[in-house]
Amino acid sequence: ACVVLVVRKLVKDKKEGKTCCGCSSCGGSCGCGHGG
């Protein structure tokens, strides 16, 4: 159940653009060069 919930959250965040590649949740600190 924990694994299912984590995967579900990851998929939901990806659809909403909240991944580090989208630079909306990391503030650019992930090293992708989009601010921070």
PDB file of all heavy atoms in Angstrom:
ATOM      1  N   ALA A   1       0.837  -1.205   0.000  1.00  0.00           N
ATOM      2  CA  ALA A   1       0.000   0.000   0.000  1.00  0.00           C
ATOM      3  C   ALA A   1       0.868   1.250   0.000  1.00  0.00           C
ATOM      4  O   ALA A   1       0.571   2.225  -0.714  1.00  0.00           O
ATOM      5  CB  ALA A   1      -0.932  -0.006   1.204  1.00  0.00           C
ATOM      6  N   CYS A   2       1.953   1.246   0.766  1.00  0.00           N
ATOM      7  CA  CYS A   2       2.872   2.392   0.788  1.00  0.00           C
ATOM      8  C   CYS A   2       3.507   2.617  -0.581  1.00  0.00           C
ATOM      9  O   CYS A   2       3.606   3.752  -1.048  1.00  0.00           O
ATOM     10  CB  CYS A   2       3.954   2.181   1.838  1.00  0.00           C
ATOM     11  SG  CYS A   2       3.344   2.301   3.524  1.00  0.00           S
ATOM     12  N   VAL A   3       3.925   1.548  -1.221  1.00  0.00           N
ATOM     13  CA  VAL A   3       4.530   1.658  -2.547  1.00  0.00           C
ATOM     14  C   VAL A   3       3.524   2.221  -3.546  1.00  0.00           C
ATOM     15  O   VAL A   3       3.845   3.109  -4.343  1.00  0.00           O
ATOM     16  CB  VAL A   3       5.082   0.288  -3.007  1.00  0.00           C
ATOM     17  CG1 VAL A   3       5.483   0.324  -4.468  1.00  0.00           C
ATOM     18  CG2 VAL A   3       6.250  -0.120  -2.141  1.00  0.00           C
ATOM     19  N   VAL A   4       2.303   1.732  -3.492  1.00  0.00           N
ATOM     20  CA  VAL A   4       1.262   2.220  -4.403  1.00  0.00           C
ATOM     21  C   VAL A   4       1.013   3.710  -4.179  1.00  0.00           C
ATOM     22  O   VAL A   4       0.908   4.483  -5.136  1.00  0.00           O
ATOM     23  CB  VAL A   4      -0.040   1.408  -4.229  1.00  0.00           C
ATOM     24  CG1 VAL A   4      -1.207   2.075  -4.915  1.00  0.00           C
ATOM     25  CG2 VAL A   4       0.153   0.003  -4.766  1.00  0.00           C
ATOM     26  N   LEU A   5       0.958   4.146  -2.924  1.00  0.00           N
ATOM     27  CA  LEU A   5       0.724   5.554  -2.633  1.00  0.00           C
ATOM     28  C   LEU A   5       1.873   6.436  -3.105  1.00  0.00           C
ATOM     29  O   LEU A   5       1.656   7.531  -3.643  1.00  0.00           O
ATOM     30  CB  LEU A   5       0.491   5.753  -1.136  1.00  0.00           C
ATOM     31  CG  LEU A   5      -0.821   5.196  -0.600  1.00  0.00           C
ATOM     32  CD1 LEU A   5      -0.865   5.316   0.917  1.00  0.00           C
ATOM     33  CD2 LEU A   5      -2.009   5.910  -1.227  1.00  0.00           C
ATOM     34  N   VAL A   6       3.091   5.984  -2.946  1.00  0.00           N
ATOM     35  CA  VAL A   6       4.250   6.758  -3.398  1.00  0.00           C
ATOM     36  C   VAL A   6       4.248   6.880  -4.914  1.00  0.00           C
ATOM     37  O   VAL A   6       4.456   7.967  -5.462  1.00  0.00           O
ATOM     38  CB  VAL A   6       5.563   6.125  -2.890  1.00  0.00           C
ATOM     39  CG1 VAL A   6       6.761   6.729  -3.583  1.00  0.00           C
ATOM     40  CG2 VAL A   6       5.682   6.290  -1.392  1.00  0.00           C
ATOM     41  N   VAL A   7       4.013   5.787  -5.603  1.00  0.00           N
ATOM     42  CA  VAL A   7       3.988   5.819  -7.072  1.00  0.00           C
ATOM     43  C   VAL A   7       2.855   6.712  -7.551  1.00  0.00           C
ATOM     44  O   VAL A   7       3.031   7.502  -8.486  1.00  0.00           O
ATOM     45  CB  VAL A   7       3.867   4.388  -7.638  1.00  0.00           C
ATOM     46  CG1 VAL A   7       3.585   4.416  -9.131  1.00  0.00           C
ATOM     47  CG2 VAL A   7       5.131   3.604  -7.351  1.00  0.00           C
ATOM     48  N   ARG A   8       1.710   6.633  -6.909  1.00  0.00           N
ATOM     49  CA  ARG A   8       0.571   7.470  -7.290  1.00  0.00           C
ATOM     50  C   ARG A   8       0.901   8.959  -7.126  1.00  0.00           C
ATOM     51  O   ARG A   8       0.598   9.766  -7.976  1.00  0.00           O
ATOM     52  CB  ARG A   8      -0.637   7.088  -6.441  1.00  0.00           C
ATOM     53  CG  ARG A   8      -1.931   7.676  -6.942  1.00  0.00           C
ATOM     54  CD  ARG A   8      -3.085   7.096  -6.184  1.00  0.00           C
ATOM     55  NE  ARG A   8      -3.594   8.124  -5.294  1.00  0.00           N
ATOM     56  CZ  ARG A   8      -4.550   7.964  -4.413  1.00  0.00           C
ATOM     57  NH1 ARG A   8      -5.078   6.779  -4.241  1.00  0.00           N
ATOM     58  NH2 ARG A   8      -4.966   8.942  -3.682  1.00  0.00           N
ATOM     59  N   LYS A   9       1.582   9.305  -6.031  1.00  0.00           N
ATOM     60  CA  LYS A   9       1.983  10.694  -5.804  1.00  0.00           C
ATOM     61  C   LYS A   9       2.994  11.152  -6.839  1.00  0.00           C
ATOM     62  O   LYS A   9       2.914  12.269  -7.341  1.00  0.00           O
ATOM     63  CB  LYS A   9       2.553  10.849  -4.404  1.00  0.00           C
ATOM     64  CG  LYS A   9       3.179  12.194  -4.148  1.00  0.00           C
ATOM     65  CD  LYS A   9       2.605  12.857  -2.953  1.00  0.00           C
ATOM     66  CE  LYS A   9       3.280  14.156  -2.609  1.00  0.00           C
ATOM     67  NZ  LYS A   9       3.136  15.199  -3.562  1.00  0.00           N
ATOM     68  N   LEU A  10       3.949  10.296  -7.172  1.00  0.00           N
ATOM     69  CA  LEU A  10       4.940  10.652  -8.182  1.00  0.00           C
ATOM     70  C   LEU A  10       4.290  10.912  -9.535  1.00  0.00           C
ATOM     71  O   LEU A  10       4.639  11.867 -10.239  1.00  0.00           O
ATOM     72  CB  LEU A  10       5.997   9.559  -8.310  1.00  0.00           C
ATOM     73  CG  LEU A  10       6.965   9.429  -7.144  1.00  0.00           C
ATOM     74  CD1 LEU A  10       7.821   8.180  -7.316  1.00  0.00           C
ATOM     75  CD2 LEU A  10       7.823  10.654  -7.012  1.00  0.00           C
ATOM     76  N   VAL A  11       3.349  10.070  -9.918  1.00  0.00           N
ATOM     77  CA  VAL A  11       2.650  10.245 -11.189  1.00  0.00           C
ATOM     78  C   VAL A  11       1.832  11.530 -11.168  1.00  0.00           C
ATOM     79  O   VAL A  11       1.844  12.311 -12.135  1.00  0.00           O
ATOM     80  CB  VAL A  11       1.761   9.022 -11.496  1.00  0.00           C
ATOM     81  CG1 VAL A  11       0.843   9.286 -12.677  1.00  0.00           C
ATOM     82  CG2 VAL A  11       2.628   7.798 -11.758  1.00  0.00           C
ATOM     83  N   LYS A  12       1.154  11.787 -10.063  1.00  0.00           N
ATOM     84  CA  LYS A  12       0.343  13.004  -9.937  1.00  0.00           C
ATOM     85  C   LYS A  12       1.223  14.247 -10.020  1.00  0.00           C
ATOM     86  O   LYS A  12       0.891  15.210 -10.722  1.00  0.00           O
ATOM     87  CB  LYS A  12      -0.410  12.981  -8.607  1.00  0.00           C
ATOM     88  CG  LYS A  12      -1.281  14.187  -8.388  1.00  0.00           C
ATOM     89  CD  LYS A  12      -1.958  14.122  -7.030  1.00  0.00           C
ATOM     90  CE  LYS A  12      -2.711  15.404  -6.761  1.00  0.00           C
ATOM     91  NZ  LYS A  12      -3.202  15.483  -5.399  1.00  0.00           N
ATOM     92  N   ASP A  13       2.363  14.239  -9.320  1.00  0.00           N
ATOM     93  CA  ASP A  13       3.272  15.378  -9.360  1.00  0.00           C
ATOM     94  C   ASP A  13       3.837  15.588 -10.756  1.00  0.00           C
ATOM     95  O   ASP A  13       4.006  16.721 -11.209  1.00  0.00           O
ATOM     96  CB  ASP A  13       4.411  15.189  -8.364  1.00  0.00           C
ATOM     97  CG  ASP A  13       3.976  15.382  -6.924  1.00  0.00           C
ATOM     98  OD1 ASP A  13       2.831  15.834  -6.701  1.00  0.00           O
ATOM     99  OD2 ASP A  13       4.773  15.064  -6.022  1.00  0.00           O
ATOM    100  N   LYS A  14       4.134  14.504 -11.447  1.00  0.00           N
ATOM    101  CA  LYS A  14       4.670  14.613 -12.810  1.00  0.00           C
ATOM    102  C   LYS A  14       3.639  15.243 -13.737  1.00  0.00           C
ATOM    103  O   LYS A  14       3.968  16.093 -14.553  1.00  0.00           O
ATOM    104  CB  LYS A  14       5.067  13.239 -13.317  1.00  0.00           C
ATOM    105  CG  LYS A  14       5.557  13.236 -14.732  1.00  0.00           C
ATOM    106  CD  LYS A  14       6.938  12.707 -14.792  1.00  0.00           C
ATOM    107  CE  LYS A  14       7.359  12.596 -16.231  1.00  0.00           C
ATOM    108  NZ  LYS A  14       8.578  13.294 -16.481  1.00  0.00           N
ATOM    109  N   LYS A  15       2.373  14.838 -13.602  1.00  0.00           N
ATOM    110  CA  LYS A  15       1.322  15.406 -14.439  1.00  0.00           C
ATOM    111  C   LYS A  15       1.121  16.886 -14.158  1.00  0.00           C
ATOM    112  O   LYS A  15       0.790  17.653 -15.054  1.00  0.00           O
ATOM    113  CB  LYS A  15       0.001  14.663 -14.221  1.00  0.00           C
ATOM    114  CG  LYS A  15      -0.036  13.312 -14.871  1.00  0.00           C
ATOM    115  CD  LYS A  15      -1.383  12.645 -14.654  1.00  0.00           C
ATOM    116  CE  LYS A  15      -1.415  11.274 -15.287  1.00  0.00           C
ATOM    117  NZ  LYS A  15      -2.711  10.617 -15.059  1.00  0.00           N
ATOM    118  N   GLU A  16       1.337  17.304 -12.881  1.00  0.00           N
ATOM    119  CA  GLU A  16       1.159  18.698 -12.505  1.00  0.00           C
ATOM    120  C   GLU A  16       2.414  19.520 -12.735  1.00  0.00           C
ATOM    121  O   GLU A  16       2.431  20.716 -12.475  1.00  0.00           O
ATOM    122  CB  GLU A  16       0.736  18.793 -11.035  1.00  0.00           C
ATOM    123  CG  GLU A  16      -0.646  18.248 -10.780  1.00  0.00           C
ATOM    124  CD  GLU A  16      -1.013  18.277  -9.303  1.00  0.00           C
ATOM    125  OE1 GLU A  16      -0.182  18.705  -8.471  1.00  0.00           O
ATOM    126  OE2 GLU A  16      -2.139  17.867  -8.983  1.00  0.00           O
ATOM    127  N   GLY A  17       3.482  18.898 -13.222  1.00  0.00           N
ATOM    128  CA  GLY A  17       4.718  19.607 -13.499  1.00  0.00           C
ATOM    129  C   GLY A  17       5.523  19.930 -12.265  1.00  0.00           C
ATOM    130  O   GLY A  17       6.274  20.890 -12.251  1.00  0.00           O
ATOM    131  N   LYS A  18       5.388  19.151 -11.202  1.00  0.00           N
ATOM    132  CA  LYS A  18       6.093  19.417  -9.956  1.00  0.00           C
ATOM    133  C   LYS A  18       7.368  18.591  -9.830  1.00  0.00           C
ATOM    134  O   LYS A  18       7.831  18.330  -8.737  1.00  0.00           O
ATOM    135  CB  LYS A  18       5.182  19.119  -8.757  1.00  0.00           C
ATOM    136  CG  LYS A  18       4.022  20.050  -8.631  1.00  0.00           C
ATOM    137  CD  LYS A  18       3.230  19.716  -7.391  1.00  0.00           C
ATOM    138  CE  LYS A  18       2.037  20.619  -7.234  1.00  0.00           C
ATOM    139  NZ  LYS A  18       1.265  20.283  -6.035  1.00  0.00           N
ATOM    140  N   THR A  19       7.967  18.196 -10.914  1.00  0.00           N
ATOM    141  CA  THR A  19       9.200  17.436 -10.844  1.00  0.00           C
ATOM    142  C   THR A  19      10.375  18.385 -10.922  1.00  0.00           C
ATOM    143  O   THR A  19      10.246  19.536 -11.296  1.00  0.00           O
ATOM    144  CB  THR A  19       9.290  16.429 -12.004  1.00  0.00           C
ATOM    145  OG1 THR A  19       9.283  17.153 -13.225  1.00  0.00           O
ATOM    146  CG2 THR A  19       8.137  15.452 -11.980  1.00  0.00           C
ATOM    147  N   CYS A  20      11.536  17.917 -10.567  1.00  0.00           N
ATOM    148  CA  CYS A  20      12.730  18.758 -10.597  1.00  0.00           C
ATOM    149  C   CYS A  20      13.040  19.195 -12.031  1.00  0.00           C
ATOM    150  O   CYS A  20      13.548  20.281 -12.246  1.00  0.00           O
ATOM    151  CB  CYS A  20      13.917  18.021  -9.991  1.00  0.00           C
ATOM    152  SG  CYS A  20      15.345  19.078  -9.738  1.00  0.00           S
ATOM    153  N   CYS A  21      12.728  18.376 -12.994  1.00  0.00           N
ATOM    154  CA  CYS A  21      12.966  18.745 -14.386  1.00  0.00           C
ATOM    155  C   CYS A  21      12.099  19.931 -14.798  1.00  0.00           C
ATOM    156  O   CYS A  21      12.474  20.692 -15.666  1.00  0.00           O
ATOM    157  CB  CYS A  21      12.689  17.557 -15.300  1.00  0.00           C
ATOM    158  SG  CYS A  21      13.788  16.180 -15.004  1.00  0.00           S
ATOM    159  N   GLY A  22      10.952  20.079 -14.157  1.00  0.00           N
ATOM    160  CA  GLY A  22      10.076  21.214 -14.426  1.00  0.00           C
ATOM    161  C   GLY A  22      10.448  22.446 -13.624  1.00  0.00           C
ATOM    162  O   GLY A  22       9.955  23.531 -13.862  1.00  0.00           O
ATOM    163  N   CYS A  23      11.331  22.269 -12.649  1.00  0.00           N
ATOM    164  CA  CYS A  23      11.849  23.362 -11.821  1.00  0.00           C
ATOM    165  C   CYS A  23      10.758  24.139 -11.102  1.00  0.00           C
ATOM    166  O   CYS A  23      10.922  25.316 -10.827  1.00  0.00           O
ATOM    167  CB  CYS A  23      12.702  24.309 -12.641  1.00  0.00           C
ATOM    168  SG  CYS A  23      14.203  23.531 -13.189  1.00  0.00           S
ATOM    169  N   SER A  24       9.642  23.522 -10.782  1.00  0.00           N
ATOM    170  CA  SER A  24       8.628  24.244 -10.030  1.00  0.00           C
ATOM    171  C   SER A  24       8.732  23.962  -8.542  1.00  0.00           C
ATOM    172  O   SER A  24       8.320  24.778  -7.740  1.00  0.00           O
ATOM    173  CB  SER A  24       7.233  23.881 -10.533  1.00  0.00           C
ATOM    174  OG  SER A  24       7.006  22.510 -10.348  1.00  0.00           O
ATOM    175  N   SER A  25       9.307  22.839  -8.159  1.00  0.00           N
ATOM    176  CA  SER A  25       9.385  22.537  -6.730  1.00  0.00           C
ATOM    177  C   SER A  25      10.792  22.700  -6.175  1.00  0.00           C
ATOM    178  O   SER A  25      10.964  22.839  -4.986  1.00  0.00           O
ATOM    179  CB  SER A  25       8.896  21.118  -6.464  1.00  0.00           C
ATOM    180  OG  SER A  25       9.748  20.191  -7.086  1.00  0.00           O
ATOM    181  N   CYS A  26      11.807  22.701  -7.031  1.00  0.00           N
ATOM    182  CA  CYS A  26      13.174  22.762  -6.516  1.00  0.00           C
ATOM    183  C   CYS A  26      13.725  24.173  -6.523  1.00  0.00           C
ATOM    184  O   CYS A  26      14.779  24.417  -5.962  1.00  0.00           O
ATOM    185  CB  CYS A  26      14.089  21.853  -7.333  1.00  0.00           C
ATOM    186  SG  CYS A  26      14.302  22.409  -9.033  1.00  0.00           S
ATOM    187  N   GLY A  27      13.065  25.103  -7.155  1.00  0.00           N
ATOM    188  CA  GLY A  27      13.563  26.468  -7.206  1.00  0.00           C
ATOM    189  C   GLY A  27      14.817  26.605  -8.045  1.00  0.00           C
ATOM    190  O   GLY A  27      15.555  27.566  -7.928  1.00  0.00           O
ATOM    191  N   GLY A  28      15.079  25.630  -8.887  1.00  0.00           N
ATOM    192  CA  GLY A  28      16.257  25.679  -9.748  1.00  0.00           C
ATOM    193  C   GLY A  28      17.504  25.143  -9.079  1.00  0.00           C
ATOM    194  O   GLY A  28      18.562  25.158  -9.666  1.00  0.00           O
ATOM    195  N   SER A  29      17.409  24.686  -7.843  1.00  0.00           N
ATOM    196  CA  SER A  29      18.594  24.233  -7.126  1.00  0.00           C
ATOM    197  C   SER A  29      19.046  22.847  -7.558  1.00  0.00           C
ATOM    198  O   SER A  29      20.030  22.344  -7.053  1.00  0.00           O
ATOM    199  CB  SER A  29      18.333  24.247  -5.620  1.00  0.00           C
ATOM    200  OG  SER A  29      17.298  23.365  -5.291  1.00  0.00           O
ATOM    201  N   CYS A  30      18.337  22.219  -8.477  1.00  0.00           N
ATOM    202  CA  CYS A  30      18.716  20.886  -8.916  1.00  0.00           C
ATOM    203  C   CYS A  30      19.834  20.929  -9.951  1.00  0.00           C
ATOM    204  O   CYS A  30      20.334  19.903 -10.352  1.00  0.00           O
ATOM    205  CB  CYS A  30      17.499  20.149  -9.477  1.00  0.00           C
ATOM    206  SG  CYS A  30      16.806  20.919 -10.949  1.00  0.00           S
ATOM    207  N   GLY A  31      20.230  22.129 -10.370  1.00  0.00           N
ATOM    208  CA  GLY A  31      21.330  22.247 -11.311  1.00  0.00           C
ATOM    209  C   GLY A  31      20.897  22.252 -12.759  1.00  0.00           C
ATOM    210  O   GLY A  31      21.706  22.090 -13.656  1.00  0.00           O
ATOM    211  N   CYS A  32      19.635  22.462 -13.016  1.00  0.00           N
ATOM    212  CA  CYS A  32      19.164  22.444 -14.395  1.00  0.00           C
ATOM    213  C   CYS A  32      19.280  23.821 -15.042  1.00  0.00           C
ATOM    214  O   CYS A  32      19.048  23.954 -16.229  1.00  0.00           O
ATOM    215  CB  CYS A  32      17.727  21.933 -14.465  1.00  0.00           C
ATOM    216  SG  CYS A  32      16.578  22.913 -13.511  1.00  0.00           S
ATOM    217  N   GLY A  33      19.601  24.859 -14.264  1.00  0.00           N
ATOM    218  CA  GLY A  33      19.875  26.169 -14.829  1.00  0.00           C
ATOM    219  C   GLY A  33      18.664  27.030 -15.077  1.00  0.00           C
ATOM    220  O   GLY A  33      18.709  27.943 -15.893  1.00  0.00           O
ATOM    221  N   HIS A  34      17.560  26.804 -14.392  1.00  0.00           N
ATOM    222  CA  HIS A  34      16.350  27.612 -14.595  1.00  0.00           C
ATOM    223  C   HIS A  34      16.083  28.529 -13.423  1.00  0.00           C
ATOM    224  O   HIS A  34      14.956  28.733 -13.039  1.00  0.00           O
ATOM    225  CB  HIS A  34      15.127  26.708 -14.806  1.00  0.00           C
ATOM    226  CG  HIS A  34      15.179  25.963 -16.092  1.00  0.00           C
ATOM    227  ND1 HIS A  34      15.015  26.542 -17.295  1.00  0.00           N
ATOM    228  CD2 HIS A  34      15.409  24.651 -16.339  1.00  0.00           C
ATOM    229  CE1 HIS A  34      15.108  25.641 -18.262  1.00  0.00           C
ATOM    230  NE2 HIS A  34      15.358  24.468 -17.690  1.00  0.00           N
ATOM    231  N   GLY A  35      17.113  29.060 -12.806  1.00  0.00           N
ATOM    232  CA  GLY A  35      16.908  29.987 -11.689  1.00  0.00           C
ATOM    233  C   GLY A  35      17.451  29.418 -10.409  1.00  0.00           C
ATOM    234  O   GLY A  35      18.361  28.617 -10.411  1.00  0.00           O
ATOM    235  N   GLY A  36      16.908  29.876  -9.301  1.00  0.00           N
ATOM    236  CA  GLY A  36      17.385  29.431  -8.001  1.00  0.00           C
ATOM    237  C   GLY A  36      18.399  30.402  -7.461  1.00  0.00           C
ATOM    238  O   GLY A  36      18.705  31.438  -8.042  1.00  0.00           O
TER     239      GLY A  36
END
